[in-house]
Amino acid sequence: MHCQTYSGTAVSGGNFSPSTAGVGTYTITYTYTDGNFCTNTATATIYVDACTGLSSVASAQEDVIIYPNPTKGEFTVYGLQSAVELIVYNLFGEKIVSKTVNRKQETINLSGASGIYFLQVKTENGIVTRKIIKE
């Protein structure tokens, strides 16, 4: 029998709830036990940031487009405002790419393993987050 669990502050049913946790830094632990009762764990640190300017974020969110998504590694972010910070995180909350750009589009090469990543676009009006799937 295989067993996997996620644990930590604001973790319930295998999901982390930032609204329950509140602003701050949290450690999440993943524990896996295989059929031979061998157990291993992995931990990730998650930072929950305060969200301000919700109306600005909502309108900016419609403008940010990622193409292609799913991607094989390289994708372009369109609809950027001036002076934005682009940050790509993996599922463990580790920063993979970070750059500040001052143009309407930017191409990012996502090296590393296939999987799900998250792009944060930080503007003066707020933060927009998009899910990226790398095949």
N, C-alpha and C. Protein backbone atom coordinates (compact mmCIF):
# COMPACT_ATOMS: atom_id res chain seq x y z
N MET A 1 0.83 -1.18 0.00
CA MET A 1 0.00 0.00 0.00
C MET A 1 0.88 1.24 0.00
N HIS A 2 0.57 2.17 -0.88
CA HIS A 2 1.30 3.43 -0.98
C HIS A 2 0.57 4.48 -0.15
N CYS A 3 1.35 5.35 0.47
CA CYS A 3 0.75 6.39 1.30
C CYS A 3 1.48 7.70 1.03
N GLN A 4 0.72 8.75 0.77
CA GLN A 4 1.33 10.07 0.58
C GLN A 4 0.52 11.09 1.36
N THR A 5 1.22 11.98 2.03
CA THR A 5 0.54 13.02 2.81
C THR A 5 1.27 14.35 2.66
N TYR A 6 0.50 15.41 2.73
CA TYR A 6 1.03 16.76 2.79
C TYR A 6 0.67 17.29 4.17
N SER A 7 1.60 17.99 4.79
CA SER A 7 1.32 18.54 6.12
C SER A 7 1.95 19.92 6.25
N GLY A 8 1.45 20.66 7.19
CA GLY A 8 1.96 21.99 7.47
C GLY A 8 0.80 22.93 7.78
N THR A 9 1.13 24.15 8.13
CA THR A 9 0.13 25.15 8.44
C THR A 9 -0.79 25.36 7.24
N ALA A 10 -2.08 25.37 7.46
CA ALA A 10 -3.12 25.64 6.45
C ALA A 10 -3.18 24.60 5.34
N VAL A 11 -2.70 23.37 5.62
CA VAL A 11 -2.80 22.27 4.66
C VAL A 11 -3.97 21.39 5.08
N SER A 12 -4.87 21.15 4.13
CA SER A 12 -6.02 20.30 4.39
C SER A 12 -6.35 19.53 3.12
N GLY A 13 -6.49 18.22 3.23
CA GLY A 13 -6.82 17.39 2.08
C GLY A 13 -5.80 17.48 0.96
N GLY A 14 -4.53 17.70 1.31
CA GLY A 14 -3.48 17.78 0.31
C GLY A 14 -3.36 19.13 -0.37
N ASN A 15 -4.12 20.13 0.09
CA ASN A 15 -4.08 21.47 -0.51
C ASN A 15 -3.66 22.51 0.51
N PHE A 16 -2.84 23.47 0.07
CA PHE A 16 -2.43 24.59 0.90
C PHE A 16 -3.38 25.75 0.63
N SER A 17 -3.90 26.38 1.68
CA SER A 17 -4.83 27.50 1.54
C SER A 17 -4.15 28.79 2.01
N PRO A 18 -3.72 29.64 1.06
CA PRO A 18 -3.08 30.90 1.45
C PRO A 18 -4.00 31.81 2.25
N SER A 19 -5.30 31.79 1.95
CA SER A 19 -6.22 32.66 2.69
C SER A 19 -6.36 32.22 4.14
N THR A 20 -6.27 30.91 4.40
CA THR A 20 -6.31 30.41 5.77
C THR A 20 -5.00 30.72 6.49
N ALA A 21 -3.88 30.56 5.79
CA ALA A 21 -2.56 30.77 6.39
C ALA A 21 -2.31 32.23 6.72
N GLY A 22 -2.67 33.12 5.80
CA GLY A 22 -2.37 34.53 5.99
C GLY A 22 -0.98 34.87 5.47
N VAL A 23 -0.64 36.14 5.51
CA VAL A 23 0.65 36.61 5.01
C VAL A 23 1.77 36.04 5.87
N GLY A 24 2.83 35.55 5.21
CA GLY A 24 3.98 35.01 5.93
C GLY A 24 4.64 33.89 5.15
N THR A 25 5.63 33.26 5.77
CA THR A 25 6.38 32.16 5.17
C THR A 25 6.02 30.87 5.88
N TYR A 26 5.76 29.82 5.10
CA TYR A 26 5.30 28.55 5.65
C TYR A 26 6.10 27.40 5.03
N THR A 27 6.31 26.36 5.82
CA THR A 27 6.98 25.16 5.34
C THR A 27 5.94 24.06 5.19
N ILE A 28 5.91 23.46 4.00
CA ILE A 28 4.99 22.38 3.68
C ILE A 28 5.83 21.11 3.53
N THR A 29 5.36 20.00 4.09
CA THR A 29 6.08 18.74 4.02
C THR A 29 5.26 17.71 3.26
N TYR A 30 5.92 17.02 2.33
CA TYR A 30 5.32 15.93 1.57
C TYR A 30 6.01 14.65 2.03
N THR A 31 5.22 13.66 2.45
CA THR A 31 5.76 12.38 2.91
C THR A 31 5.17 11.27 2.05
N TYR A 32 6.04 10.37 1.57
CA TYR A 32 5.60 9.26 0.73
C TYR A 32 6.14 7.96 1.30
N THR A 33 5.28 6.96 1.42
CA THR A 33 5.66 5.62 1.85
C THR A 33 5.25 4.65 0.75
N ASP A 34 6.23 3.85 0.27
CA ASP A 34 5.91 2.92 -0.82
C ASP A 34 5.42 1.59 -0.26
N GLY A 35 5.18 0.63 -1.14
CA GLY A 35 4.66 -0.68 -0.77
C GLY A 35 5.60 -1.50 0.10
N ASN A 36 6.88 -1.14 0.13
CA ASN A 36 7.87 -1.84 0.96
C ASN A 36 8.10 -1.12 2.28
N PHE A 37 7.26 -0.14 2.57
CA PHE A 37 7.32 0.67 3.79
C PHE A 37 8.57 1.55 3.86
N CYS A 38 9.14 1.86 2.69
CA CYS A 38 10.24 2.82 2.62
C CYS A 38 9.61 4.21 2.58
N THR A 39 10.09 5.10 3.42
CA THR A 39 9.51 6.44 3.54
C THR A 39 10.54 7.50 3.20
N ASN A 40 10.07 8.55 2.52
CA ASN A 40 10.92 9.68 2.23
C ASN A 40 10.07 10.94 2.33
N THR A 41 10.72 12.07 2.58
CA THR A 41 10.00 13.33 2.70
C THR A 41 10.70 14.42 1.88
N ALA A 42 9.93 15.42 1.52
CA ALA A 42 10.44 16.62 0.85
C ALA A 42 9.73 17.81 1.47
N THR A 43 10.44 18.90 1.59
CA THR A 43 9.82 20.11 2.14
C THR A 43 9.96 21.25 1.14
N ALA A 44 9.02 22.17 1.21
CA ALA A 44 9.04 23.37 0.38
C ALA A 44 8.60 24.55 1.23
N THR A 45 9.18 25.70 0.95
CA THR A 45 8.80 26.92 1.64
C THR A 45 7.91 27.74 0.72
N ILE A 46 6.80 28.19 1.26
CA ILE A 46 5.83 28.99 0.50
C ILE A 46 5.71 30.34 1.18
N TYR A 47 5.80 31.40 0.38
CA TYR A 47 5.61 32.75 0.90
C TYR A 47 4.26 33.27 0.42
N VAL A 48 3.42 33.69 1.34
CA VAL A 48 2.12 34.28 1.01
C VAL A 48 2.27 35.79 1.15
N ASP A 49 2.01 36.47 0.05
CA ASP A 49 2.15 37.92 -0.02
C ASP A 49 0.76 38.56 0.08
N ALA A 50 0.70 39.75 0.61
CA ALA A 50 -0.57 40.48 0.69
C ALA A 50 -0.96 40.92 -0.71
N CYS A 51 -2.21 40.83 -1.04
CA CYS A 51 -2.71 41.25 -2.35
C CYS A 51 -3.40 42.59 -2.18
N THR A 52 -2.91 43.59 -2.90
CA THR A 52 -3.53 44.92 -2.83
C THR A 52 -3.93 45.35 -4.22
N GLY A 53 -4.82 46.29 -4.32
CA GLY A 53 -5.24 46.80 -5.61
C GLY A 53 -6.01 45.78 -6.43
N LEU A 54 -6.99 45.12 -5.81
CA LEU A 54 -7.70 44.04 -6.49
C LEU A 54 -8.34 44.46 -7.81
N SER A 55 -8.91 45.64 -7.90
CA SER A 55 -9.53 46.05 -9.15
C SER A 55 -8.48 46.20 -10.25
N SER A 56 -7.31 46.70 -9.90
CA SER A 56 -6.23 46.83 -10.88
C SER A 56 -5.74 45.47 -11.32
N VAL A 57 -5.60 44.54 -10.39
CA VAL A 57 -5.13 43.20 -10.72
C VAL A 57 -6.13 42.52 -11.63
N ALA A 58 -7.41 42.65 -11.34
CA ALA A 58 -8.43 42.01 -12.16
C ALA A 58 -8.37 42.51 -13.60
N SER A 59 -8.22 43.80 -13.80
CA SER A 59 -8.16 44.31 -15.17
C SER A 59 -6.84 43.96 -15.84
N ALA A 60 -5.73 43.97 -15.10
CA ALA A 60 -4.43 43.61 -15.67
C ALA A 60 -4.38 42.13 -16.02
N GLN A 61 -5.08 41.30 -15.26
CA GLN A 61 -5.05 39.86 -15.46
C GLN A 61 -5.58 39.48 -16.84
N GLU A 62 -6.56 40.18 -17.34
CA GLU A 62 -7.12 39.89 -18.64
C GLU A 62 -6.13 40.17 -19.76
N ASP A 63 -5.18 41.07 -19.54
CA ASP A 63 -4.23 41.49 -20.56
C ASP A 63 -3.02 40.56 -20.68
N VAL A 64 -2.68 39.81 -19.66
CA VAL A 64 -1.48 38.96 -19.68
C VAL A 64 -1.80 37.64 -20.37
N ILE A 65 -1.08 37.39 -21.47
CA ILE A 65 -1.29 36.18 -22.26
C ILE A 65 0.05 35.45 -22.38
N ILE A 66 0.02 34.13 -22.25
CA ILE A 66 1.22 33.30 -22.40
C ILE A 66 1.00 32.40 -23.61
N TYR A 67 1.99 32.41 -24.53
CA TYR A 67 1.88 31.56 -25.71
C TYR A 67 3.24 31.02 -26.08
N PRO A 68 3.41 29.76 -26.42
CA PRO A 68 2.40 28.71 -26.29
C PRO A 68 2.33 28.20 -24.86
N ASN A 69 1.20 27.72 -24.49
CA ASN A 69 0.99 27.12 -23.18
C ASN A 69 -0.07 26.04 -23.33
N PRO A 70 0.31 24.76 -23.28
CA PRO A 70 1.58 24.16 -22.85
C PRO A 70 2.74 24.52 -23.78
N THR A 71 3.95 24.47 -23.20
CA THR A 71 5.16 24.81 -23.92
C THR A 71 6.15 23.66 -23.86
N LYS A 72 7.07 23.64 -24.79
CA LYS A 72 8.15 22.66 -24.76
C LYS A 72 9.37 23.25 -24.08
N GLY A 73 9.31 24.53 -23.70
CA GLY A 73 10.42 25.16 -23.00
C GLY A 73 10.45 26.67 -23.14
N GLU A 74 10.17 27.18 -24.34
CA GLU A 74 10.22 28.61 -24.55
C GLU A 74 8.79 29.14 -24.75
N PHE A 75 8.46 30.23 -24.07
CA PHE A 75 7.14 30.84 -24.21
C PHE A 75 7.30 32.35 -24.17
N THR A 76 6.29 33.04 -24.67
CA THR A 76 6.31 34.50 -24.69
C THR A 76 5.14 35.01 -23.85
N VAL A 77 5.41 36.03 -23.06
CA VAL A 77 4.39 36.70 -22.24
C VAL A 77 4.04 37.99 -22.96
N TYR A 78 2.75 38.15 -23.28
CA TYR A 78 2.25 39.32 -24.00
C TYR A 78 1.37 40.16 -23.08
N GLY A 79 1.20 41.44 -23.44
CA GLY A 79 0.28 42.31 -22.71
C GLY A 79 0.88 42.90 -21.45
N LEU A 80 2.20 43.03 -21.42
CA LEU A 80 2.86 43.55 -20.22
C LEU A 80 2.77 45.06 -20.16
N GLN A 81 2.73 45.57 -18.95
CA GLN A 81 2.79 47.01 -18.73
C GLN A 81 4.27 47.37 -18.57
N SER A 82 4.58 48.64 -18.51
CA SER A 82 5.98 49.04 -18.37
C SER A 82 6.52 48.68 -16.99
N ALA A 83 7.80 48.37 -16.97
CA ALA A 83 8.54 48.05 -15.75
C ALA A 83 7.83 46.99 -14.90
N VAL A 84 7.85 45.75 -15.39
CA VAL A 84 7.26 44.64 -14.64
C VAL A 84 8.35 43.66 -14.26
N GLU A 85 8.11 42.93 -13.19
CA GLU A 85 9.01 41.87 -12.77
C GLU A 85 8.34 40.54 -13.10
N LEU A 86 9.06 39.67 -13.81
CA LEU A 86 8.56 38.35 -14.18
C LEU A 86 9.32 37.32 -13.36
N ILE A 87 8.58 36.47 -12.63
CA ILE A 87 9.19 35.44 -11.81
C ILE A 87 8.49 34.12 -12.09
N VAL A 88 9.28 33.07 -12.38
CA VAL A 88 8.74 31.74 -12.60
C VAL A 88 9.13 30.88 -11.41
N TYR A 89 8.12 30.22 -10.81
CA TYR A 89 8.32 29.32 -9.68
C TYR A 89 7.95 27.90 -10.08
N ASN A 90 8.62 26.92 -9.47
CA ASN A 90 8.19 25.53 -9.65
C ASN A 90 7.15 25.21 -8.58
N LEU A 91 6.67 23.96 -8.56
CA LEU A 91 5.63 23.58 -7.60
C LEU A 91 6.08 23.63 -6.14
N PHE A 92 7.40 23.65 -5.92
CA PHE A 92 7.93 23.71 -4.55
C PHE A 92 8.15 25.15 -4.09
N GLY A 93 7.76 26.11 -4.94
CA GLY A 93 7.92 27.52 -4.59
C GLY A 93 9.33 28.03 -4.83
N GLU A 94 10.17 27.25 -5.52
CA GLU A 94 11.52 27.68 -5.81
C GLU A 94 11.52 28.58 -7.04
N LYS A 95 12.28 29.68 -6.95
CA LYS A 95 12.37 30.63 -8.05
C LYS A 95 13.26 30.04 -9.14
N ILE A 96 12.71 29.91 -10.36
CA ILE A 96 13.44 29.34 -11.48
C ILE A 96 14.00 30.44 -12.39
N VAL A 97 13.20 31.46 -12.66
CA VAL A 97 13.58 32.59 -13.51
C VAL A 97 13.10 33.86 -12.84
N SER A 98 13.92 34.91 -12.91
CA SER A 98 13.50 36.20 -12.38
C SER A 98 14.13 37.29 -13.24
N LYS A 99 13.30 38.18 -13.78
CA LYS A 99 13.83 39.28 -14.59
C LYS A 99 12.87 40.45 -14.55
N THR A 100 13.43 41.64 -14.67
CA THR A 100 12.63 42.85 -14.77
C THR A 100 12.70 43.33 -16.21
N VAL A 101 11.55 43.62 -16.80
CA VAL A 101 11.50 44.05 -18.20
C VAL A 101 10.70 45.33 -18.32
N ASN A 102 10.96 46.06 -19.39
CA ASN A 102 10.27 47.31 -19.63
C ASN A 102 9.80 47.34 -21.10
N ARG A 103 9.02 46.31 -21.47
CA ARG A 103 8.46 46.21 -22.82
C ARG A 103 7.14 45.47 -22.77
N LYS A 104 6.42 45.42 -23.87
CA LYS A 104 5.08 44.85 -23.89
C LYS A 104 5.05 43.32 -23.99
N GLN A 105 6.19 42.71 -24.35
CA GLN A 105 6.26 41.25 -24.40
C GLN A 105 7.66 40.80 -24.05
N GLU A 106 7.77 39.57 -23.56
CA GLU A 106 9.07 39.02 -23.17
C GLU A 106 9.04 37.52 -23.39
N THR A 107 10.12 36.99 -23.98
CA THR A 107 10.25 35.55 -24.19
C THR A 107 11.10 34.98 -23.07
N ILE A 108 10.63 33.86 -22.52
CA ILE A 108 11.33 33.18 -21.42
C ILE A 108 11.62 31.75 -21.83
N ASN A 109 12.86 31.31 -21.59
CA ASN A 109 13.23 29.94 -21.84
C ASN A 109 13.18 29.20 -20.51
N LEU A 110 12.28 28.26 -20.40
CA LEU A 110 12.06 27.51 -19.17
C LEU A 110 12.82 26.19 -19.26
N SER A 111 14.03 26.17 -18.71
CA SER A 111 14.80 24.93 -18.72
C SER A 111 14.39 24.09 -17.52
N GLY A 112 14.74 22.83 -17.55
CA GLY A 112 14.40 21.96 -16.43
C GLY A 112 13.36 20.93 -16.81
N ALA A 113 12.85 20.28 -15.80
CA ALA A 113 11.94 19.14 -15.99
C ALA A 113 10.56 19.58 -16.48
N SER A 114 9.87 18.64 -17.10
CA SER A 114 8.48 18.85 -17.47
C SER A 114 7.65 18.98 -16.21
N GLY A 115 6.53 19.67 -16.31
CA GLY A 115 5.65 19.80 -15.14
C GLY A 115 4.90 21.11 -15.15
N ILE A 116 4.41 21.47 -13.99
CA ILE A 116 3.63 22.69 -13.82
C ILE A 116 4.49 23.75 -13.14
N TYR A 117 4.44 24.95 -13.68
CA TYR A 117 5.17 26.09 -13.14
C TYR A 117 4.19 27.25 -13.00
N PHE A 118 4.58 28.28 -12.28
CA PHE A 118 3.74 29.46 -12.11
C PHE A 118 4.53 30.71 -12.44
N LEU A 119 3.94 31.55 -13.28
CA LEU A 119 4.54 32.83 -13.64
C LEU A 119 3.84 33.92 -12.85
N GLN A 120 4.63 34.72 -12.14
CA GLN A 120 4.10 35.90 -11.45
C GLN A 120 4.54 37.12 -12.24
N VAL A 121 3.57 37.99 -12.55
CA VAL A 121 3.86 39.26 -13.19
C VAL A 121 3.57 40.33 -12.14
N LYS A 122 4.63 40.97 -11.64
CA LYS A 122 4.48 42.00 -10.62
C LYS A 122 4.53 43.37 -11.28
N THR A 123 3.44 44.12 -11.10
CA THR A 123 3.36 45.48 -11.63
C THR A 123 3.16 46.44 -10.47
N GLU A 124 3.13 47.72 -10.79
CA GLU A 124 2.85 48.71 -9.73
C GLU A 124 1.42 48.61 -9.24
N ASN A 125 0.54 47.95 -10.02
CA ASN A 125 -0.86 47.80 -9.64
C ASN A 125 -1.17 46.51 -8.88
N GLY A 126 -0.24 45.58 -8.86
CA GLY A 126 -0.49 44.32 -8.17
C GLY A 126 0.25 43.17 -8.83
N ILE A 127 -0.17 41.95 -8.51
CA ILE A 127 0.48 40.74 -8.99
C ILE A 127 -0.53 39.89 -9.75
N VAL A 128 -0.12 39.41 -10.92
CA VAL A 128 -0.93 38.50 -11.72
C VAL A 128 -0.16 37.18 -11.77
N THR A 129 -0.84 36.05 -11.52
CA THR A 129 -0.20 34.74 -11.55
C THR A 129 -0.86 33.89 -12.63
N ARG A 130 -0.04 33.23 -13.42
CA ARG A 130 -0.51 32.33 -14.47
C ARG A 130 0.17 30.98 -14.34
N LYS A 131 -0.58 29.91 -14.61
CA LYS A 131 -0.03 28.56 -14.61
C LYS A 131 0.56 28.26 -15.97
N ILE A 132 1.76 27.64 -15.97
CA ILE A 132 2.43 27.25 -17.20
C ILE A 132 2.65 25.75 -17.15
N ILE A 133 2.34 25.07 -18.24
CA ILE A 133 2.57 23.63 -18.33
C ILE A 133 3.71 23.39 -19.30
N LYS A 134 4.77 22.72 -18.82
CA LYS A 134 5.90 22.40 -19.67
C LYS A 134 5.84 20.91 -20.00
N GLU A 135 5.78 20.62 -21.30
CA GLU A 135 5.69 19.22 -21.75
C GLU A 135 7.06 18.60 -21.82
